[in-house]
PDB file of all heavy atoms in Angstrom:
ATOM      1  N   ALA A   1      54.664  24.423 209.747  1.00  0.00           N
ATOM      2  CA  ALA A   1      55.252  25.364 210.701  1.00  0.00           C
ATOM      3  C   ALA A   1      54.318  25.602 211.878  1.00  0.00           C
ATOM      4  O   ALA A   1      54.766  25.959 212.974  1.00  0.00           O
ATOM      5  CB  ALA A   1      55.575  26.686 210.001  1.00  0.00           C
ATOM      6  N   GLY A   2      53.009  25.408 211.662  1.00  0.00           N
ATOM      7  CA  GLY A   2      52.058  25.563 212.762  1.00  0.00           C
ATOM      8  C   GLY A   2      52.238  24.508 213.829  1.00  0.00           C
ATOM      9  O   GLY A   2      51.814  24.690 214.978  1.00  0.00           O
ATOM     10  N   ALA A   3      52.875  23.399 213.463  1.00  0.00           N
ATOM     11  CA  ALA A   3      53.153  22.319 214.415  1.00  0.00           C
ATOM     12  C   ALA A   3      54.604  22.347 214.870  1.00  0.00           C
ATOM     13  O   ALA A   3      55.086  21.380 215.462  1.00  0.00           O
ATOM     14  CB  ALA A   3      52.817  20.977 213.775  1.00  0.00           C
ATOM     15  N   GLY A   4      55.318  23.421 214.544  1.00  0.00           N
ATOM     16  CA  GLY A   4      56.685  23.566 215.018  1.00  0.00           C
ATOM     17  C   GLY A   4      57.755  23.093 214.062  1.00  0.00           C
ATOM     18  O   GLY A   4      58.945  23.132 214.394  1.00  0.00           O
ATOM     19  N   GLU A   5      57.362  22.601 212.873  1.00  0.00           N
ATOM     20  CA  GLU A   5      58.367  22.139 211.917  1.00  0.00           C
ATOM     21  C   GLU A   5      59.035  23.336 211.221  1.00  0.00           C
ATOM     22  O   GLU A   5      58.404  24.376 211.005  1.00  0.00           O
ATOM     23  CB  GLU A   5      57.721  21.223 210.871  1.00  0.00           C
ATOM     24  CG  GLU A   5      57.146  19.938 211.440  1.00  0.00           C
ATOM     25  CD  GLU A   5      56.589  19.034 210.346  1.00  0.00           C
ATOM     26  OE1 GLU A   5      57.199  19.001 209.253  1.00  0.00           O
ATOM     27  OE2 GLU A   5      55.556  18.392 210.576  1.00  0.00           O
ATOM     28  N   GLU A   6      60.302  23.145 210.860  1.00  0.00           N
ATOM     29  CA  GLU A   6      61.060  24.229 210.216  1.00  0.00           C
ATOM     30  C   GLU A   6      60.822  24.213 208.705  1.00  0.00           C
ATOM     31  O   GLU A   6      61.704  23.910 207.904  1.00  0.00           O
ATOM     32  CB  GLU A   6      62.548  24.104 210.547  1.00  0.00           C
ATOM     33  CG  GLU A   6      62.853  24.298 212.025  1.00  0.00           C
ATOM     34  CD  GLU A   6      64.344  24.244 212.316  1.00  0.00           C
ATOM     35  OE1 GLU A   6      65.147  24.005 211.374  1.00  0.00           O
ATOM     36  OE2 GLU A   6      64.735  24.434 213.485  1.00  0.00           O
ATOM     37  N   VAL A   7      59.616  24.547 208.319  1.00  0.00           N
ATOM     38  CA  VAL A   7      59.246  24.641 206.908  1.00  0.00           C
ATOM     39  C   VAL A   7      59.003  26.111 206.614  1.00  0.00           C
ATOM     40  O   VAL A   7      57.946  26.661 206.945  1.00  0.00           O
ATOM     41  CB  VAL A   7      57.991  23.803 206.589  1.00  0.00           C
ATOM     42  CG1 VAL A   7      57.606  23.969 205.117  1.00  0.00           C
ATOM     43  CG2 VAL A   7      58.232  22.339 206.927  1.00  0.00           C
ATOM     44  N   TYR A   8      59.990  26.739 205.978  1.00  0.00           N
ATOM     45  CA  TYR A   8      59.954  28.194 205.806  1.00  0.00           C
ATOM     46  C   TYR A   8      59.756  28.534 204.319  1.00  0.00           C
ATOM     47  O   TYR A   8      60.667  28.957 203.627  1.00  0.00           O
ATOM     48  CB  TYR A   8      61.240  28.815 206.332  1.00  0.00           C
ATOM     49  CG  TYR A   8      61.516  28.491 207.793  1.00  0.00           C
ATOM     50  CD1 TYR A   8      62.804  28.193 208.230  1.00  0.00           C
ATOM     51  CD2 TYR A   8      60.478  28.476 208.722  1.00  0.00           C
ATOM     52  CE1 TYR A   8      63.053  27.908 209.570  1.00  0.00           C
ATOM     53  CE2 TYR A   8      60.715  28.184 210.059  1.00  0.00           C
ATOM     54  CZ  TYR A   8      62.007  27.895 210.473  1.00  0.00           C
ATOM     55  OH  TYR A   8      62.247  27.609 211.799  1.00  0.00           O
ATOM     56  N   ASP A   9      58.571  28.301 203.846  1.00  0.00           N
ATOM     57  CA  ASP A   9      58.269  28.518 202.435  1.00  0.00           C
ATOM     58  C   ASP A   9      57.592  29.881 202.230  1.00  0.00           C
ATOM     59  O   ASP A   9      57.503  30.699 203.156  1.00  0.00           O
ATOM     60  CB  ASP A   9      57.398  27.388 201.896  1.00  0.00           C
ATOM     61  CG  ASP A   9      56.120  27.200 202.726  1.00  0.00           C
ATOM     62  OD1 ASP A   9      55.833  28.068 203.583  1.00  0.00           O
ATOM     63  OD2 ASP A   9      55.410  26.199 202.505  1.00  0.00           O
ATOM     64  N   VAL A  10      57.089  30.112 201.015  1.00  0.00           N
ATOM     65  CA  VAL A  10      56.445  31.387 200.706  1.00  0.00           C
ATOM     66  C   VAL A  10      55.216  31.604 201.587  1.00  0.00           C
ATOM     67  O   VAL A  10      54.947  32.729 202.035  1.00  0.00           O
ATOM     68  CB  VAL A  10      56.059  31.442 199.210  1.00  0.00           C
ATOM     69  CG1 VAL A  10      55.216  32.679 198.918  1.00  0.00           C
ATOM     70  CG2 VAL A  10      57.302  31.442 198.335  1.00  0.00           C
ATOM     71  N   THR A  11      54.476  30.539 201.852  1.00  0.00           N
ATOM     72  CA  THR A  11      53.292  30.664 202.712  1.00  0.00           C
ATOM     73  C   THR A  11      53.695  31.140 204.101  1.00  0.00           C
ATOM     74  O   THR A  11      53.050  32.025 204.684  1.00  0.00           O
ATOM     75  CB  THR A  11      52.557  29.321 202.807  1.00  0.00           C
ATOM     76  OG1 THR A  11      52.192  28.891 201.506  1.00  0.00           O
ATOM     77  CG2 THR A  11      51.314  29.449 203.682  1.00  0.00           C
ATOM     78  N   PHE A  12      54.747  30.568 204.627  1.00  0.00           N
ATOM     79  CA  PHE A  12      55.252  30.960 205.941  1.00  0.00           C
ATOM     80  C   PHE A  12      55.601  32.454 205.956  1.00  0.00           C
ATOM     81  O   PHE A  12      55.288  33.171 206.916  1.00  0.00           O
ATOM     82  CB  PHE A  12      56.485  30.116 206.276  1.00  0.00           C
ATOM     83  CG  PHE A  12      57.133  30.461 207.586  1.00  0.00           C
ATOM     84  CD1 PHE A  12      56.638  29.960 208.782  1.00  0.00           C
ATOM     85  CD2 PHE A  12      58.246  31.290 207.632  1.00  0.00           C
ATOM     86  CE1 PHE A  12      57.250  30.276 209.996  1.00  0.00           C
ATOM     87  CE2 PHE A  12      58.859  31.612 208.830  1.00  0.00           C
ATOM     88  CZ  PHE A  12      58.360  31.100 210.026  1.00  0.00           C
ATOM     89  N   GLU A  13      56.223  32.916 204.888  1.00  0.00           N
ATOM     90  CA  GLU A  13      56.601  34.326 204.815  1.00  0.00           C
ATOM     91  C   GLU A  13      55.377  35.225 204.660  1.00  0.00           C
ATOM     92  O   GLU A  13      55.238  36.253 205.335  1.00  0.00           O
ATOM     93  CB  GLU A  13      57.559  34.554 203.642  1.00  0.00           C
ATOM     94  CG  GLU A  13      58.906  33.859 203.787  1.00  0.00           C
ATOM     95  CD  GLU A  13      59.876  34.238 202.674  1.00  0.00           C
ATOM     96  OE1 GLU A  13      59.868  35.406 202.258  1.00  0.00           O
ATOM     97  OE2 GLU A  13      60.634  33.363 202.226  1.00  0.00           O
ATOM     98  N   ASN A  14      54.473  34.854 203.759  1.00  0.00           N
ATOM     99  CA  ASN A  14      53.350  35.728 203.443  1.00  0.00           C
ATOM    100  C   ASN A  14      52.295  35.781 204.545  1.00  0.00           C
ATOM    101  O   ASN A  14      51.543  36.764 204.627  1.00  0.00           O
ATOM    102  CB  ASN A  14      52.711  35.322 202.120  1.00  0.00           C
ATOM    103  CG  ASN A  14      53.530  35.808 200.931  1.00  0.00           C
ATOM    104  OD1 ASN A  14      54.475  36.569 201.099  1.00  0.00           O
ATOM    105  ND2 ASN A  14      53.170  35.367 199.739  1.00  0.00           N
ATOM    106  N   VAL A  15      52.220  34.737 205.359  1.00  0.00           N
ATOM    107  CA  VAL A  15      51.337  34.811 206.518  1.00  0.00           C
ATOM    108  C   VAL A  15      51.762  35.984 207.405  1.00  0.00           C
ATOM    109  O   VAL A  15      50.923  36.757 207.893  1.00  0.00           O
ATOM    110  CB  VAL A  15      51.344  33.487 207.299  1.00  0.00           C
ATOM    111  CG1 VAL A  15      50.833  33.688 208.726  1.00  0.00           C
ATOM    112  CG2 VAL A  15      50.498  32.438 206.589  1.00  0.00           C
ATOM    113  N   GLN A  16      53.055  36.139 207.585  1.00  0.00           N
ATOM    114  CA  GLN A  16      53.547  37.240 208.428  1.00  0.00           C
ATOM    115  C   GLN A  16      53.302  38.597 207.758  1.00  0.00           C
ATOM    116  O   GLN A  16      52.810  39.539 208.387  1.00  0.00           O
ATOM    117  CB  GLN A  16      55.042  37.059 208.692  1.00  0.00           C
ATOM    118  CG  GLN A  16      55.381  35.798 209.468  1.00  0.00           C
ATOM    119  CD  GLN A  16      56.884  35.573 209.536  1.00  0.00           C
ATOM    120  OE1 GLN A  16      57.587  36.265 210.272  1.00  0.00           O
ATOM    121  NE2 GLN A  16      57.378  34.610 208.767  1.00  0.00           N
ATOM    122  N   ALA A  17      53.648  38.693 206.482  1.00  0.00           N
ATOM    123  CA  ALA A  17      53.465  39.959 205.768  1.00  0.00           C
ATOM    124  C   ALA A  17      51.993  40.350 205.719  1.00  0.00           C
ATOM    125  O   ALA A  17      51.633  41.520 205.902  1.00  0.00           O
ATOM    126  CB  ALA A  17      54.033  39.850 204.355  1.00  0.00           C
ATOM    127  N   GLY A  18      51.127  39.356 205.483  1.00  0.00           N
ATOM    128  CA  GLY A  18      49.706  39.636 205.398  1.00  0.00           C
ATOM    129  C   GLY A  18      49.118  40.064 206.728  1.00  0.00           C
ATOM    130  O   GLY A  18      48.293  40.988 206.797  1.00  0.00           O
ATOM    131  N   LEU A  19      49.537  39.423 207.798  1.00  0.00           N
ATOM    132  CA  LEU A  19      49.004  39.774 209.115  1.00  0.00           C
ATOM    133  C   LEU A  19      49.410  41.194 209.514  1.00  0.00           C
ATOM    134  O   LEU A  19      48.612  41.926 210.119  1.00  0.00           O
ATOM    135  CB  LEU A  19      49.504  38.776 210.159  1.00  0.00           C
ATOM    136  CG  LEU A  19      48.739  37.443 210.226  1.00  0.00           C
ATOM    137  CD1 LEU A  19      49.412  36.492 211.192  1.00  0.00           C
ATOM    138  CD2 LEU A  19      47.281  37.674 210.629  1.00  0.00           C
ATOM    139  N   ARG A  20      50.605  41.567 209.205  1.00  0.00           N
ATOM    140  CA  ARG A  20      51.039  42.929 209.537  1.00  0.00           C
ATOM    141  C   ARG A  20      50.129  43.957 208.863  1.00  0.00           C
ATOM    142  O   ARG A  20      49.680  44.913 209.485  1.00  0.00           O
ATOM    143  CB  ARG A  20      52.497  43.125 209.117  1.00  0.00           C
ATOM    144  CG  ARG A  20      53.494  42.453 210.045  1.00  0.00           C
ATOM    145  CD  ARG A  20      54.912  42.504 209.508  1.00  0.00           C
ATOM    146  NE  ARG A  20      55.855  41.978 210.494  1.00  0.00           N
ATOM    147  CZ  ARG A  20      56.956  41.304 210.193  1.00  0.00           C
ATOM    148  NH1 ARG A  20      57.259  41.069 208.919  1.00  0.00           N
ATOM    149  NH2 ARG A  20      57.759  40.877 211.144  1.00  0.00           N
ATOM    150  N   THR A  21      49.878  43.749 207.574  1.00  0.00           N
ATOM    151  CA  THR A  21      49.015  44.683 206.855  1.00  0.00           C
ATOM    152  C   THR A  21      47.592  44.633 207.391  1.00  0.00           C
ATOM    153  O   THR A  21      46.935  45.673 207.556  1.00  0.00           O
ATOM    154  CB  THR A  21      49.036  44.353 205.355  1.00  0.00           C
ATOM    155  OG1 THR A  21      50.369  44.425 204.869  1.00  0.00           O
ATOM    156  CG2 THR A  21      48.175  45.339 204.575  1.00  0.00           C
ATOM    157  N   ASP A  22      47.098  43.442 207.672  1.00  0.00           N
ATOM    158  CA  ASP A  22      45.744  43.294 208.196  1.00  0.00           C
ATOM    159  C   ASP A  22      45.588  44.044 209.514  1.00  0.00           C
ATOM    160  O   ASP A  22      44.604  44.785 209.731  1.00  0.00           O
ATOM    161  CB  ASP A  22      45.439  41.808 208.394  1.00  0.00           C
ATOM    162  CG  ASP A  22      43.940  41.522 208.408  1.00  0.00           C
ATOM    163  OD1 ASP A  22      43.150  42.481 208.295  1.00  0.00           O
ATOM    164  OD2 ASP A  22      43.564  40.346 208.531  1.00  0.00           O
ATOM    165  N   PHE A  23      46.544  43.882 210.404  1.00  0.00           N
ATOM    166  CA  PHE A  23      46.494  44.594 211.683  1.00  0.00           C
ATOM    167  C   PHE A  23      46.491  46.108 211.477  1.00  0.00           C
ATOM    168  O   PHE A  23      45.734  46.840 212.120  1.00  0.00           O
ATOM    169  CB  PHE A  23      47.685  44.203 212.564  1.00  0.00           C
ATOM    170  CG  PHE A  23      47.446  42.989 213.422  1.00  0.00           C
ATOM    171  CD1 PHE A  23      48.266  41.873 213.321  1.00  0.00           C
ATOM    172  CD2 PHE A  23      46.404  42.966 214.343  1.00  0.00           C
ATOM    173  CE1 PHE A  23      48.058  40.751 214.117  1.00  0.00           C
ATOM    174  CE2 PHE A  23      46.189  41.845 215.147  1.00  0.00           C
ATOM    175  CZ  PHE A  23      47.007  40.731 215.026  1.00  0.00           C
ATOM    176  N   LEU A  24      47.345  46.592 210.569  1.00  0.00           N
ATOM    177  CA  LEU A  24      47.440  48.034 210.351  1.00  0.00           C
ATOM    178  C   LEU A  24      46.122  48.600 209.834  1.00  0.00           C
ATOM    179  O   LEU A  24      45.674  49.678 210.267  1.00  0.00           O
ATOM    180  CB  LEU A  24      48.577  48.342 209.370  1.00  0.00           C
ATOM    181  CG  LEU A  24      50.004  48.102 209.885  1.00  0.00           C
ATOM    182  CD1 LEU A  24      51.016  48.322 208.778  1.00  0.00           C
ATOM    183  CD2 LEU A  24      50.317  49.006 211.079  1.00  0.00           C
ATOM    184  N   PHE A  25      45.470  47.885 208.917  1.00  0.00           N
ATOM    185  CA  PHE A  25      44.197  48.376 208.392  1.00  0.00           C
ATOM    186  C   PHE A  25      43.121  48.396 209.481  1.00  0.00           C
ATOM    187  O   PHE A  25      42.326  49.345 209.571  1.00  0.00           O
ATOM    188  CB  PHE A  25      43.734  47.503 207.212  1.00  0.00           C
ATOM    189  CG  PHE A  25      44.216  47.998 205.872  1.00  0.00           C
ATOM    190  CD1 PHE A  25      45.336  47.455 205.264  1.00  0.00           C
ATOM    191  CD2 PHE A  25      43.537  49.024 205.226  1.00  0.00           C
ATOM    192  CE1 PHE A  25      45.777  47.921 204.034  1.00  0.00           C
ATOM    193  CE2 PHE A  25      43.972  49.488 203.991  1.00  0.00           C
ATOM    194  CZ  PHE A  25      45.094  48.942 203.393  1.00  0.00           C
ATOM    195  N   ARG A  26      43.070  47.370 210.281  1.00  0.00           N
ATOM    196  CA  ARG A  26      42.046  47.328 211.321  1.00  0.00           C
ATOM    197  C   ARG A  26      42.319  48.380 212.398  1.00  0.00           C
ATOM    198  O   ARG A  26      41.384  48.977 212.935  1.00  0.00           O
ATOM    199  CB  ARG A  26      42.006  45.937 211.947  1.00  0.00           C
ATOM    200  CG  ARG A  26      41.740  44.790 210.978  1.00  0.00           C
ATOM    201  CD  ARG A  26      40.383  44.838 210.294  1.00  0.00           C
ATOM    202  NE  ARG A  26      40.237  45.831 209.264  1.00  0.00           N
ATOM    203  CZ  ARG A  26      40.658  45.697 207.993  1.00  0.00           C
ATOM    204  NH1 ARG A  26      41.291  44.596 207.618  1.00  0.00           N
ATOM    205  NH2 ARG A  26      40.435  46.655 207.107  1.00  0.00           N
ATOM    206  N   ILE A  27      43.595  48.614 212.694  1.00  0.00           N
ATOM    207  CA  ILE A  27      43.938  49.667 213.658  1.00  0.00           C
ATOM    208  C   ILE A  27      43.568  51.029 213.098  1.00  0.00           C
ATOM    209  O   ILE A  27      43.084  51.914 213.824  1.00  0.00           O
ATOM    210  CB  ILE A  27      45.437  49.596 214.012  1.00  0.00           C
ATOM    211  CG1 ILE A  27      45.729  48.331 214.835  1.00  0.00           C
ATOM    212  CG2 ILE A  27      45.881  50.845 214.779  1.00  0.00           C
ATOM    213  CD1 ILE A  27      47.205  48.035 215.005  1.00  0.00           C
ATOM    214  N   ALA A  28      43.782  51.222 211.793  1.00  0.00           N
ATOM    215  CA  ALA A  28      43.400  52.489 211.160  1.00  0.00           C
ATOM    216  C   ALA A  28      41.889  52.694 211.276  1.00  0.00           C
ATOM    217  O   ALA A  28      41.411  53.803 211.566  1.00  0.00           O
ATOM    218  CB  ALA A  28      43.832  52.494 209.699  1.00  0.00           C
ATOM    219  N   ASN A  29      41.099  51.622 211.077  1.00  0.00           N
ATOM    220  CA  ASN A  29      39.643  51.714 211.281  1.00  0.00           C
ATOM    221  C   ASN A  29      39.319  52.116 212.720  1.00  0.00           C
ATOM    222  O   ASN A  29      38.463  52.967 212.978  1.00  0.00           O
ATOM    223  CB  ASN A  29      38.974  50.368 210.997  1.00  0.00           C
ATOM    224  CG  ASN A  29      39.076  49.930 209.538  1.00  0.00           C
ATOM    225  OD1 ASN A  29      39.047  48.752 209.248  1.00  0.00           O
ATOM    226  ND2 ASN A  29      39.190  50.871 208.621  1.00  0.00           N
ATOM    227  N   GLN A  30      40.001  51.482 213.625  1.00  0.00           N
ATOM    228  CA  GLN A  30      39.725  51.654 215.049  1.00  0.00           C
ATOM    229  C   GLN A  30      40.071  53.050 215.549  1.00  0.00           C
ATOM    230  O   GLN A  30      39.357  53.628 216.372  1.00  0.00           O
ATOM    231  CB  GLN A  30      40.522  50.599 215.836  1.00  0.00           C
ATOM    232  CG  GLN A  30      40.353  50.668 217.345  1.00  0.00           C
ATOM    233  CD  GLN A  30      41.354  49.773 218.057  1.00  0.00           C
ATOM    234  OE1 GLN A  30      42.508  49.688 217.648  1.00  0.00           O
ATOM    235  NE2 GLN A  30      40.904  49.097 219.111  1.00  0.00           N
ATOM    236  N   ARG A  31      41.155  53.638 215.020  1.00  0.00           N
ATOM    237  CA  ARG A  31      41.692  54.865 215.617  1.00  0.00           C
ATOM    238  C   ARG A  31      41.629  56.073 214.693  1.00  0.00           C
ATOM    239  O   ARG A  31      42.248  57.100 214.949  1.00  0.00           O
ATOM    240  CB  ARG A  31      43.135  54.630 216.062  1.00  0.00           C
ATOM    241  CG  ARG A  31      43.254  53.418 216.991  1.00  0.00           C
ATOM    242  CD  ARG A  31      44.621  53.265 217.589  1.00  0.00           C
ATOM    243  NE  ARG A  31      44.765  51.966 218.246  1.00  0.00           N
ATOM    244  CZ  ARG A  31      45.849  51.579 218.921  1.00  0.00           C
ATOM    245  NH1 ARG A  31      46.883  52.415 219.039  1.00  0.00           N
ATOM    246  NH2 ARG A  31      45.912  50.381 219.474  1.00  0.00           N
ATOM    247  N   GLY A  32      40.871  55.949 213.620  1.00  0.00           N
ATOM    248  CA  GLY A  32      40.666  57.104 212.755  1.00  0.00           C
ATOM    249  C   GLY A  32      41.895  57.499 211.963  1.00  0.00           C
ATOM    250  O   GLY A  32      42.256  58.683 211.918  1.00  0.00           O
ATOM    251  N   GLY A  33      42.506  56.525 211.338  1.00  0.00           N
ATOM    252  CA  GLY A  33      43.726  56.814 210.592  1.00  0.00           C
ATOM    253  C   GLY A  33      43.722  56.227 209.193  1.00  0.00           C
ATOM    254  O   GLY A  33      42.763  55.586 208.758  1.00  0.00           O
ATOM    255  N   ILE A  34      44.805  56.462 208.478  1.00  0.00           N
ATOM    256  CA  ILE A  34      45.044  55.823 207.184  1.00  0.00           C
ATOM    257  C   ILE A  34      46.374  55.083 207.265  1.00  0.00           C
ATOM    258  O   ILE A  34      47.297  55.505 207.974  1.00  0.00           O
ATOM    259  CB  ILE A  34      45.089  56.842 206.021  1.00  0.00           C
ATOM    260  CG1 ILE A  34      46.214  57.878 206.230  1.00  0.00           C
ATOM    261  CG2 ILE A  34      43.756  57.527 205.841  1.00  0.00           C
ATOM    262  CD1 ILE A  34      46.482  58.747 205.009  1.00  0.00           C
ATOM    263  N   VAL A  35      46.444  53.978 206.557  1.00  0.00           N
ATOM    264  CA  VAL A  35      47.679  53.197 206.519  1.00  0.00           C
ATOM    265  C   VAL A  35      48.611  53.809 205.488  1.00  0.00           C
ATOM    266  O   VAL A  35      48.244  53.954 204.311  1.00  0.00           O
ATOM    267  CB  VAL A  35      47.395  51.728 206.174  1.00  0.00           C
ATOM    268  CG1 VAL A  35      48.711  50.948 206.070  1.00  0.00           C
ATOM    269  CG2 VAL A  35      46.494  51.100 207.219  1.00  0.00           C
ATOM    270  N   LEU A  36      49.795  54.169 205.926  1.00  0.00           N
ATOM    271  CA  LEU A  36      50.799  54.720 205.017  1.00  0.00           C
ATOM    272  C   LEU A  36      51.696  53.596 204.531  1.00  0.00           C
ATOM    273  O   LEU A  36      52.419  52.966 205.322  1.00  0.00           O
ATOM    274  CB  LEU A  36      51.634  55.787 205.734  1.00  0.00           C
ATOM    275  CG  LEU A  36      52.606  56.581 204.846  1.00  0.00           C
ATOM    276  CD1 LEU A  36      51.835  57.398 203.811  1.00  0.00           C
ATOM    277  CD2 LEU A  36      53.493  57.496 205.681  1.00  0.00           C
ATOM    278  N   GLY A  37      51.640  53.316 203.222  1.00  0.00           N
ATOM    279  CA  GLY A  37      52.479  52.266 202.644  1.00  0.00           C
ATOM    280  C   GLY A  37      53.926  52.689 202.578  1.00  0.00           C
ATOM    281  O   GLY A  37      54.248  53.881 202.478  1.00  0.00           O
ATOM    282  N   THR A  38      54.819  51.708 202.610  1.00  0.00           N
ATOM    283  CA  THR A  38      56.250  52.010 202.660  1.00  0.00           C
ATOM    284  C   THR A  38      57.045  51.457 201.479  1.00  0.00           C
ATOM    285  O   THR A  38      58.207  51.813 201.305  1.00  0.00           O
ATOM    286  CB  THR A  38      56.859  51.447 203.967  1.00  0.00           C
ATOM    287  OG1 THR A  38      56.722  50.022 203.973  1.00  0.00           O
ATOM    288  CG2 THR A  38      56.144  52.032 205.179  1.00  0.00           C
ATOM    289  N   GLY A  39      56.446  50.585 200.658  1.00  0.00           N
ATOM    290  CA  GLY A  39      57.182  49.953 199.564  1.00  0.00           C
ATOM    291  C   GLY A  39      57.670  50.948 198.525  1.00  0.00           C
ATOM    292  O   GLY A  39      57.008  51.955 198.250  1.00  0.00           O
ATOM    293  N   ASP A  40      58.830  50.677 197.937  1.00  0.00           N
ATOM    294  CA  ASP A  40      59.432  51.622 196.990  1.00  0.00           C
ATOM    295  C   ASP A  40      59.267  51.145 195.546  1.00  0.00           C
ATOM    296  O   ASP A  40      58.756  50.058 195.274  1.00  0.00           O
ATOM    297  CB  ASP A  40      60.905  51.865 197.321  1.00  0.00           C
ATOM    298  CG  ASP A  40      61.754  50.609 197.243  1.00  0.00           C
ATOM    299  OD1 ASP A  40      61.739  49.934 196.192  1.00  0.00           O
ATOM    300  OD2 ASP A  40      62.453  50.287 198.224  1.00  0.00           O
ATOM    301  N   MET A  41      59.725  51.984 194.604  1.00  0.00           N
ATOM    302  CA  MET A  41      59.556  51.708 193.181  1.00  0.00           C
ATOM    303  C   MET A  41      60.359  50.482 192.743  1.00  0.00           C
ATOM    304  O   MET A  41      59.918  49.719 191.875  1.00  0.00           O
ATOM    305  CB  MET A  41      59.975  52.930 192.363  1.00  0.00           C
ATOM    306  CG  MET A  41      59.736  52.772 190.870  1.00  0.00           C
ATOM    307  SD  MET A  41      59.749  54.333 189.965  1.00  0.00           S
ATOM    308  CE  MET A  41      61.423  54.881 190.210  1.00  0.00           C
ATOM    309  N   SER A  42      61.528  50.270 193.325  1.00  0.00           N
ATOM    310  CA  SER A  42      62.349  49.108 192.957  1.00  0.00           C
ATOM    311  C   SER A  42      61.633  47.815 193.322  1.00  0.00           C
ATOM    312  O   SER A  42      61.654  46.835 192.570  1.00  0.00           O
ATOM    313  CB  SER A  42      63.712  49.175 193.654  1.00  0.00           C
ATOM    314  OG  SER A  42      64.352  50.395 193.389  1.00  0.00           O
ATOM    315  N   GLU A  43      61.003  47.789 194.500  1.00  0.00           N
ATOM    316  CA  GLU A  43      60.266  46.602 194.917  1.00  0.00           C
ATOM    317  C   GLU A  43      59.051  46.370 194.022  1.00  0.00           C
ATOM    318  O   GLU A  43      58.726  45.223 193.696  1.00  0.00           O
ATOM    319  CB  GLU A  43      59.840  46.752 196.377  1.00  0.00           C
ATOM    320  CG  GLU A  43      61.015  46.737 197.349  1.00  0.00           C
ATOM    321  CD  GLU A  43      60.594  46.914 198.798  1.00  0.00           C
ATOM    322  OE1 GLU A  43      59.457  47.360 199.036  1.00  0.00           O
ATOM    323  OE2 GLU A  43      61.412  46.599 199.687  1.00  0.00           O
ATOM    324  N   LEU A  44      58.392  47.446 193.611  1.00  0.00           N
ATOM    325  CA  LEU A  44      57.265  47.301 192.696  1.00  0.00           C
ATOM    326  C   LEU A  44      57.713  46.708 191.361  1.00  0.00           C
ATOM    327  O   LEU A  44      57.032  45.868 190.773  1.00  0.00           O
ATOM    328  CB  LEU A  44      56.600  48.652 192.457  1.00  0.00           C
ATOM    329  CG  LEU A  44      55.618  49.150 193.515  1.00  0.00           C
ATOM    330  CD1 LEU A  44      55.155  50.557 193.178  1.00  0.00           C
ATOM    331  CD2 LEU A  44      54.426  48.206 193.623  1.00  0.00           C
TER     332      LEU A  44
END
């Protein structure tokens, strides 16, 4: 997918999910905050 191919596997999905969380944690460090998780009991 990094070369433009339509390969949409678990890695493709988790790269996005992981980056979102990574950004939120670093922003929390930067701006004096805590990351509020949103996942529910059914997803757990």
